[in-house]
């Protein structure tokens, strides 16, 4: 009589797609998934089975905790020379609605969003060729001087490469200058899909996937942590999504510098790709779950509620995600592409979203240090 396998013992009667059995066996035994396993996850119709596997890994890594942060987004300019086909935020300099904040306006925005206990300023903007390098240093200095306890997560890898060109320094030297001015960590934007085929189609003026990964490698080597993203739901194939995961995983093996992975659902409204449909709830949940299962060396998977919408973001917490982002305060990029979510949530709203799915809310800072751990059950006075 054969003994039960690891997956038989753990997942008996929970996996209905026979094609998932090999994946379940690896998950049970803690074995890294292959590219073919990742493709199997996306092609399977056993959504609950995939979610169960992802939640199993989530619980092993982060127990029953779900993280959120008190943060403030500042999009300092929407003028951008790249003209990416998927973007509804970027404008040409002479186009209606184009703007660039002064340093004083950035500070005013920061003060407006500086609620008690604020942990992070999140700054990203377009690639505006008219802004000098000194502007970025002035912003960092001003924010750090007025808000010394608030961490600054700023400038995607695309922006870092642009800034290196402005100051005529290497990527490493540029990162060191920015770090000295107050930069604490990097956001994960600009990764899109690493496939050259897709990048040539939707963001041909943007730095290559190799260059994006190199910026992150150099940041990590300097002790500057970052996030990573993937823009999905447009022209990419399942194979290209999985390859994106594998390249991120390989860099994380080398540097251990990524804090979280954030799948970004494509919003087509007001873009050059407006003919495409929105991602489905099934695709969103599969992508979250596949990310948790494939990215075994990433500590956190984030369900960005701004892009997913609150119901799917909340459900994602049962499909492998352990972070729901934060209060945000004001988000412009996704809303320019038709997002109908609020531009901000309160601590109580985030806390209640997490408690409703039976998880423990943990307020964190940028580096996932605990700020406050809340009860499993909402208090009667919560709003």
Protein backbone atom coordinates (compact mmCIF):
# COMPACT_ATOMS: atom_id res chain seq x y z
CA UNK A 1 0.00 0.00 0.00
CA UNK A 2 1.44 3.35 -1.05
CA UNK A 3 1.93 6.02 1.58
CA UNK A 4 0.16 9.34 1.13
CA UNK A 5 2.10 12.09 -0.55
CA UNK A 6 2.56 15.52 0.97
CA UNK A 7 -0.21 17.00 -1.12
CA UNK A 8 -2.54 14.07 -0.34
CA UNK A 9 -2.08 14.68 3.35
CA UNK A 10 -2.52 18.45 3.25
CA UNK A 11 -4.91 19.07 0.38
CA UNK A 12 -7.06 15.95 0.18
CA UNK A 13 -10.47 16.75 -1.36
CA UNK A 14 -9.47 20.40 -1.89
CA UNK A 15 -7.81 20.19 -5.32
CA UNK A 16 -10.25 19.19 -8.06
CA UNK A 17 -8.13 19.80 -11.18
CA UNK A 18 -5.81 16.79 -11.76
CA UNK A 19 -3.34 19.11 -13.49
CA UNK A 20 -2.84 20.93 -10.16
CA UNK A 21 -1.75 17.81 -8.31
CA UNK A 22 1.92 18.19 -9.29
CA UNK A 23 1.81 21.83 -8.16
CA UNK A 24 0.15 20.88 -4.88
CA UNK A 25 2.82 18.24 -4.26
CA UNK A 26 5.58 20.84 -4.65
CA UNK A 27 3.76 23.34 -2.44
CA UNK A 28 3.31 20.73 0.28
CA UNK A 29 6.98 19.79 0.14
CA UNK A 30 8.26 23.38 -0.09
CA UNK A 31 9.73 22.84 -3.57
CA UNK A 32 10.10 25.80 -5.95
CA UNK A 33 7.59 25.91 -8.80
CA UNK A 34 8.78 25.80 -12.41
CA UNK A 35 7.63 27.89 -15.36
CA UNK A 36 5.38 25.04 -16.50
CA UNK A 37 3.84 24.94 -13.02
CA UNK A 38 3.10 28.66 -13.28
CA UNK A 39 1.41 28.17 -16.64
CA UNK A 40 -0.66 25.36 -15.12
CA UNK A 41 -1.90 27.72 -12.41
CA UNK A 42 -3.13 30.27 -14.93
CA UNK A 43 -4.72 27.66 -17.18
CA UNK A 44 -6.53 25.77 -14.43
CA UNK A 45 -10.24 26.32 -13.86
CA UNK A 46 -9.93 25.21 -10.22
CA UNK A 47 -9.92 28.73 -8.80
CA UNK A 48 -10.64 27.66 -5.24
CA UNK A 49 -7.91 25.04 -5.38
CA UNK A 50 -5.40 27.63 -6.59
CA UNK A 51 -6.54 30.00 -3.87
CA UNK A 52 -6.21 27.33 -1.22
CA UNK A 53 -2.62 26.62 -2.24
CA UNK A 54 -1.75 30.33 -2.26
CA UNK A 55 -3.39 30.88 1.11
CA UNK A 56 -1.46 27.93 2.53
CA UNK A 57 1.81 29.60 1.52
CA UNK A 58 0.59 32.99 2.78
CA UNK A 59 -0.20 31.54 6.20
CA UNK A 60 3.19 29.83 6.41
CA UNK A 61 4.95 33.12 5.64
CA UNK A 62 2.81 35.68 7.44
CA UNK A 63 0.40 33.73 9.63
CA UNK A 64 -3.04 35.35 9.82
CA UNK A 65 -1.71 38.91 9.58
CA UNK A 66 -2.60 41.43 6.88
CA UNK A 67 -0.59 44.61 6.63
CA UNK A 68 -1.50 48.18 5.78
CA UNK A 69 0.33 51.50 5.97
CA UNK A 70 -0.57 55.10 6.73
CA UNK A 71 0.84 56.73 3.59
CA UNK A 72 0.43 59.71 1.29
CA UNK A 73 0.87 59.56 -2.49
CA UNK A 74 2.29 62.61 -4.26
CA UNK A 75 2.41 62.63 -8.07
CA UNK A 76 4.61 65.66 -8.58
CA UNK A 77 4.27 65.98 -12.38
CA UNK A 78 2.22 64.36 -15.12
CA UNK A 79 4.38 65.72 -17.95
CA UNK A 80 6.13 62.75 -19.55
CA UNK A 81 8.18 62.23 -22.67
CA UNK A 82 7.72 58.46 -22.84
CA UNK A 83 4.18 58.33 -24.21
CA UNK A 84 3.43 54.79 -23.03
CA UNK A 85 0.35 53.33 -24.72
CA UNK A 86 -1.10 52.03 -21.45
CA UNK A 87 -0.85 55.33 -19.57
CA UNK A 88 -3.70 57.82 -19.13
CA UNK A 89 -1.75 59.97 -16.66
CA UNK A 90 1.10 61.34 -18.78
CA UNK A 91 0.70 64.61 -20.69
CA UNK A 92 2.79 66.62 -23.13
CA UNK A 93 4.02 69.94 -21.78
CA UNK A 94 1.58 72.01 -23.88
CA UNK A 95 -1.38 69.69 -23.36
CA UNK A 96 -4.44 70.68 -21.33
CA UNK A 97 -4.17 69.46 -17.78
CA UNK A 98 -0.38 69.20 -17.76
CA UNK A 99 1.21 70.21 -14.46
CA UNK A 100 4.42 70.23 -12.46
CA UNK A 101 4.31 70.99 -8.76
CA UNK A 102 6.78 73.42 -7.30
CA UNK A 103 8.72 72.27 -4.25
CA UNK A 104 6.39 74.44 -2.17
CA UNK A 105 3.35 72.73 -3.72
CA UNK A 106 4.82 69.29 -2.99
CA UNK A 107 5.29 70.35 0.63
CA UNK A 108 1.73 71.67 0.77
CA UNK A 109 0.46 68.34 -0.55
CA UNK A 110 2.57 66.53 2.06
CA UNK A 111 1.19 68.72 4.85
CA UNK A 112 -2.35 68.05 3.68
CA UNK A 113 -1.71 64.31 3.81
CA UNK A 114 0.31 64.32 7.02
CA UNK A 115 -2.28 62.67 9.25
CA UNK A 116 -1.14 61.63 12.74
CA UNK A 117 1.11 58.59 12.54
CA UNK A 118 1.95 58.99 8.85
CA UNK A 119 4.67 56.49 7.94
CA UNK A 120 5.43 57.10 4.28
CA UNK A 121 5.44 59.57 1.43
CA UNK A 122 5.15 57.79 -1.92
CA UNK A 123 6.41 59.96 -4.78
CA UNK A 124 6.28 59.10 -8.47
CA UNK A 125 5.84 61.22 -11.57
CA UNK A 126 6.34 61.44 -15.29
CA UNK A 127 9.65 61.73 -17.11
CA UNK A 128 9.60 65.51 -17.50
CA UNK A 129 12.65 66.72 -19.45
CA UNK A 130 12.20 70.31 -18.19
CA UNK A 131 12.84 69.50 -14.51
CA UNK A 132 16.47 69.84 -13.37
CA UNK A 133 18.14 67.30 -11.12
CA UNK A 134 18.28 69.85 -8.30
CA UNK A 135 14.46 69.82 -8.14
CA UNK A 136 14.45 66.20 -6.96
CA UNK A 137 17.11 66.88 -4.35
CA UNK A 138 15.19 69.92 -3.12
CA UNK A 139 12.00 67.85 -2.74
CA UNK A 140 13.77 65.14 -0.76
CA UNK A 141 15.54 67.67 1.46
CA UNK A 142 12.34 69.63 2.10
CA UNK A 143 10.29 66.57 2.98
CA UNK A 144 12.97 65.06 5.20
CA UNK A 145 13.61 68.35 6.98
CA UNK A 146 9.93 68.91 7.82
CA UNK A 147 8.97 65.26 8.35
CA UNK A 148 12.14 63.52 9.58
CA UNK A 149 10.29 60.48 10.94
CA UNK A 150 8.39 59.77 7.69
CA UNK A 151 10.04 57.41 5.22
CA UNK A 152 10.29 58.53 1.60
CA UNK A 153 9.60 55.90 -1.03
CA UNK A 154 10.22 57.70 -4.27
CA UNK A 155 11.13 57.42 -7.96
CA UNK A 156 10.62 54.28 -9.99
CA UNK A 157 13.55 52.60 -11.72
CA UNK A 158 12.52 54.52 -14.85
CA UNK A 159 12.84 57.81 -13.01
CA UNK A 160 16.18 56.77 -11.47
CA UNK A 161 17.61 56.06 -14.92
CA UNK A 162 16.34 59.44 -16.10
CA UNK A 163 17.88 61.20 -13.10
CA UNK A 164 21.21 59.49 -13.73
CA UNK A 165 21.18 61.02 -17.18
CA UNK A 166 20.34 64.45 -15.78
CA UNK A 167 23.20 64.50 -13.30
CA UNK A 168 25.55 62.61 -15.64
CA UNK A 169 26.34 60.05 -12.97
CA UNK A 170 26.19 56.28 -12.86
CA UNK A 171 23.07 54.61 -11.48
CA UNK A 172 24.97 53.75 -8.31
CA UNK A 173 26.24 57.32 -7.83
CA UNK A 174 22.77 58.73 -8.50
CA UNK A 175 21.19 56.44 -5.93
CA UNK A 176 23.82 57.43 -3.37
CA UNK A 177 23.15 61.14 -3.97
CA UNK A 178 19.41 60.62 -3.61
CA UNK A 179 19.87 58.49 -0.50
CA UNK A 180 21.97 61.21 1.09
CA UNK A 181 19.21 63.72 0.30
CA UNK A 182 16.55 61.63 2.05
CA UNK A 183 15.47 58.76 -0.23
CA UNK A 184 14.68 55.64 1.82
CA UNK A 185 13.31 53.10 -0.67
CA UNK A 186 12.10 52.68 -4.25
CA UNK A 187 8.58 51.90 -5.46
CA UNK A 188 8.16 49.06 -7.93
CA UNK A 189 6.66 50.85 -10.92
CA UNK A 190 7.95 50.77 -14.48
CA UNK A 191 8.44 47.01 -14.65
CA UNK A 192 5.26 46.55 -16.72
CA UNK A 193 5.93 43.19 -18.47
CA UNK A 194 9.57 42.23 -19.02
CA UNK A 195 8.90 40.68 -22.43
CA UNK A 196 10.70 42.72 -25.14
CA UNK A 197 7.77 41.97 -27.48
CA UNK A 198 5.34 43.66 -25.14
CA UNK A 199 7.63 46.53 -24.17
CA UNK A 200 8.12 47.38 -27.85
CA UNK A 201 4.34 47.47 -28.24
CA UNK A 202 3.23 49.41 -25.16
CA UNK A 203 6.25 51.36 -23.82
CA UNK A 204 8.97 51.47 -26.47
CA UNK A 205 10.55 54.66 -25.05
CA UNK A 206 10.90 53.25 -21.57
CA UNK A 207 14.08 51.61 -20.27
CA UNK A 208 14.44 47.91 -21.04
CA UNK A 209 13.65 45.09 -18.65
CA UNK A 210 17.37 44.43 -18.20
CA UNK A 211 17.91 48.07 -17.27
CA UNK A 212 14.97 48.02 -14.83
CA UNK A 213 16.39 44.96 -13.12
CA UNK A 214 19.86 46.52 -13.04
CA UNK A 215 18.57 49.65 -11.28
CA UNK A 216 16.92 47.46 -8.66
CA UNK A 217 20.02 45.31 -8.27
CA UNK A 218 22.19 48.36 -7.67
CA UNK A 219 19.68 49.84 -5.22
CA UNK A 220 19.55 46.60 -3.26
CA UNK A 221 23.34 46.37 -3.20
CA UNK A 222 23.37 49.82 -1.57
CA UNK A 223 20.88 48.70 1.06
CA UNK A 224 17.95 50.52 -0.58
CA UNK A 225 14.92 48.22 -0.54
CA UNK A 226 12.24 48.31 -3.19
CA UNK A 227 8.97 46.84 -4.37
CA UNK A 228 8.32 45.14 -7.71
CA UNK A 229 5.28 45.26 -9.99
CA UNK A 230 3.76 43.65 -13.05
CA UNK A 231 1.18 45.32 -15.28
CA UNK A 232 -1.13 42.57 -16.53
CA UNK A 233 -4.34 42.22 -18.50
CA UNK A 234 -3.43 43.75 -21.89
CA UNK A 235 -1.50 42.07 -24.75
CA UNK A 236 0.76 39.78 -22.75
CA UNK A 237 0.56 36.00 -22.77
CA UNK A 238 0.42 33.74 -19.73
CA UNK A 239 3.93 32.58 -20.59
CA UNK A 240 5.16 36.19 -20.49
CA UNK A 241 3.59 36.73 -17.07
CA UNK A 242 5.31 33.63 -15.72
CA UNK A 243 8.65 34.66 -17.20
CA UNK A 244 8.22 38.02 -15.44
CA UNK A 245 7.82 36.18 -12.13
CA UNK A 246 10.89 34.05 -12.76
CA UNK A 247 13.14 37.01 -13.56
CA UNK A 248 12.02 38.82 -10.41
CA UNK A 249 12.55 35.67 -8.38
CA UNK A 250 16.06 35.27 -9.76
CA UNK A 251 17.03 38.82 -8.77
CA UNK A 252 15.54 38.34 -5.31
CA UNK A 253 17.66 35.19 -4.94
CA UNK A 254 20.72 37.37 -5.54
CA UNK A 255 19.87 40.50 -3.53
CA UNK A 256 16.98 39.83 -1.15
CA UNK A 257 16.07 43.48 -1.59
CA UNK A 258 12.42 43.30 -2.68
CA UNK A 259 9.88 43.98 0.05
CA UNK A 260 6.69 43.17 -1.82
CA UNK A 261 5.32 42.24 -5.22
CA UNK A 262 2.34 44.24 -6.50
CA UNK A 263 0.31 42.94 -9.47
CA UNK A 264 -1.23 45.92 -11.25
CA UNK A 265 -4.45 45.29 -13.16
CA UNK A 266 -4.52 47.26 -16.44
CA UNK A 267 -7.13 50.03 -16.67
CA UNK A 268 -7.81 50.84 -20.34
CA UNK A 269 -10.00 53.95 -20.08
CA UNK A 270 -8.42 57.10 -21.61
CA UNK A 271 -5.38 55.17 -22.86
CA UNK A 272 -4.20 54.28 -26.37
CA UNK A 273 -5.38 50.74 -25.58
CA UNK A 274 -8.94 51.71 -24.71
CA UNK A 275 -10.37 48.95 -26.91
CA UNK A 276 -9.24 46.33 -24.40
CA UNK A 277 -11.57 45.12 -21.64
CA UNK A 278 -10.88 45.41 -17.92
CA UNK A 279 -9.41 42.40 -16.21
CA UNK A 280 -11.91 39.94 -14.77
CA UNK A 281 -12.18 39.10 -11.09
CA UNK A 282 -11.06 35.55 -11.94
CA UNK A 283 -7.90 36.84 -13.63
CA UNK A 284 -7.15 39.21 -10.76
CA UNK A 285 -7.44 36.45 -8.17
CA UNK A 286 -5.44 33.95 -10.23
CA UNK A 287 -2.68 36.49 -10.73
CA UNK A 288 -2.46 37.26 -7.02
CA UNK A 289 -2.42 33.56 -6.17
CA UNK A 290 0.10 32.64 -8.89
CA UNK A 291 2.38 35.42 -7.70
CA UNK A 292 2.27 34.11 -4.12
CA UNK A 293 3.07 30.59 -5.30
CA UNK A 294 5.77 31.47 -7.84
CA UNK A 295 7.54 34.23 -5.88
CA UNK A 296 8.53 32.00 -2.98
CA UNK A 297 11.34 34.35 -1.90
CA UNK A 298 9.18 37.50 -1.73
CA UNK A 299 8.02 38.15 1.82
CA UNK A 300 4.83 39.99 0.82
CA UNK A 301 2.23 40.10 -1.96
CA UNK A 302 0.18 43.29 -2.11
CA UNK A 303 -3.43 43.67 -3.24
CA UNK A 304 -3.44 47.31 -4.36
CA UNK A 305 -7.03 48.29 -3.62
CA UNK A 306 -6.88 51.38 -5.83
CA UNK A 307 -6.52 49.21 -8.96
CA UNK A 308 -8.39 46.07 -7.92
CA UNK A 309 -11.35 47.74 -6.27
CA UNK A 310 -12.24 47.08 -2.65
CA UNK A 311 -14.24 43.83 -3.07
CA UNK A 312 -11.53 42.05 -5.11
CA UNK A 313 -8.73 43.45 -2.95
CA UNK A 314 -10.51 42.12 0.12
CA UNK A 315 -11.09 38.71 -1.48
CA UNK A 316 -7.43 38.63 -2.56
CA UNK A 317 -6.50 38.35 1.11
CA UNK A 318 -7.81 34.76 0.87
CA UNK A 319 -5.86 34.15 -2.35
CA UNK A 320 -2.31 34.78 -1.18
CA UNK A 321 -2.11 38.54 -0.63
CA UNK A 322 -1.08 39.69 2.85
CA UNK A 323 -0.98 43.46 2.28
CA UNK A 324 -3.73 45.85 1.16
CA UNK A 325 -1.50 48.94 0.76
CA UNK A 326 -2.60 52.00 2.68
CA UNK A 327 -4.54 55.17 3.24
CA UNK A 328 -2.98 56.68 0.05
CA UNK A 329 -4.64 60.11 0.60
CA UNK A 330 -4.66 61.09 -3.09
CA UNK A 331 -3.91 58.89 -6.10
CA UNK A 332 -3.97 60.32 -9.63
CA UNK A 333 -2.36 57.81 -11.99
CA UNK A 334 -4.92 54.99 -11.91
CA UNK A 335 -7.84 57.39 -11.56
CA UNK A 336 -6.78 59.06 -14.81
CA UNK A 337 -7.38 55.66 -16.42
CA UNK A 338 -10.90 55.36 -15.07
CA UNK A 339 -10.50 53.89 -11.59
CA UNK A 340 -13.73 54.34 -9.65
CA UNK A 341 -12.29 53.61 -6.21
CA UNK A 342 -11.94 56.30 -3.58
CA UNK A 343 -8.70 58.30 -3.56
CA UNK A 344 -8.16 57.63 0.13
CA UNK A 345 -9.25 55.31 2.92
CA UNK A 346 -9.04 55.76 6.67
CA UNK A 347 -7.22 53.48 9.08
CA UNK A 348 -10.56 52.21 10.38
CA UNK A 349 -11.80 51.40 6.89
CA UNK A 350 -8.66 49.41 6.11
CA UNK A 351 -8.73 47.72 9.50
CA UNK A 352 -12.38 46.71 9.07
CA UNK A 353 -11.77 45.36 5.55
CA UNK A 354 -9.13 43.05 6.99
CA UNK A 355 -11.14 42.02 10.04
CA UNK A 356 -14.14 41.13 7.88
CA UNK A 357 -12.17 38.27 6.31
CA UNK A 358 -11.07 36.98 9.71
CA UNK A 359 -7.52 38.30 9.61
CA UNK A 360 -5.45 40.37 12.03
CA UNK A 361 -4.76 43.95 10.82
CA UNK A 362 -1.18 45.09 11.31
CA UNK A 363 -0.26 48.70 10.63
CA UNK A 364 3.31 48.74 9.28
CA UNK A 365 5.94 51.14 8.06
CA UNK A 366 7.66 50.98 4.66
CA UNK A 367 10.04 48.24 5.77
CA UNK A 368 7.27 46.16 7.37
CA UNK A 369 8.20 47.02 10.92
CA UNK A 370 5.07 46.74 13.06
CA UNK A 371 3.49 50.06 14.06
CA UNK A 372 0.36 48.65 15.70
CA UNK A 373 -1.37 45.27 15.77
CA UNK A 374 -5.15 45.34 16.07
CA UNK A 375 -7.63 42.77 17.31
CA UNK A 376 -8.99 39.99 15.13
CA UNK A 377 -12.54 41.27 15.57
CA UNK A 378 -13.70 44.82 14.93
CA UNK A 379 -14.66 46.84 17.98
CA UNK A 380 -18.27 47.99 18.25
CA UNK A 381 -17.16 51.62 18.06
CA UNK A 382 -15.32 51.19 14.74
CA UNK A 383 -16.63 53.14 11.77
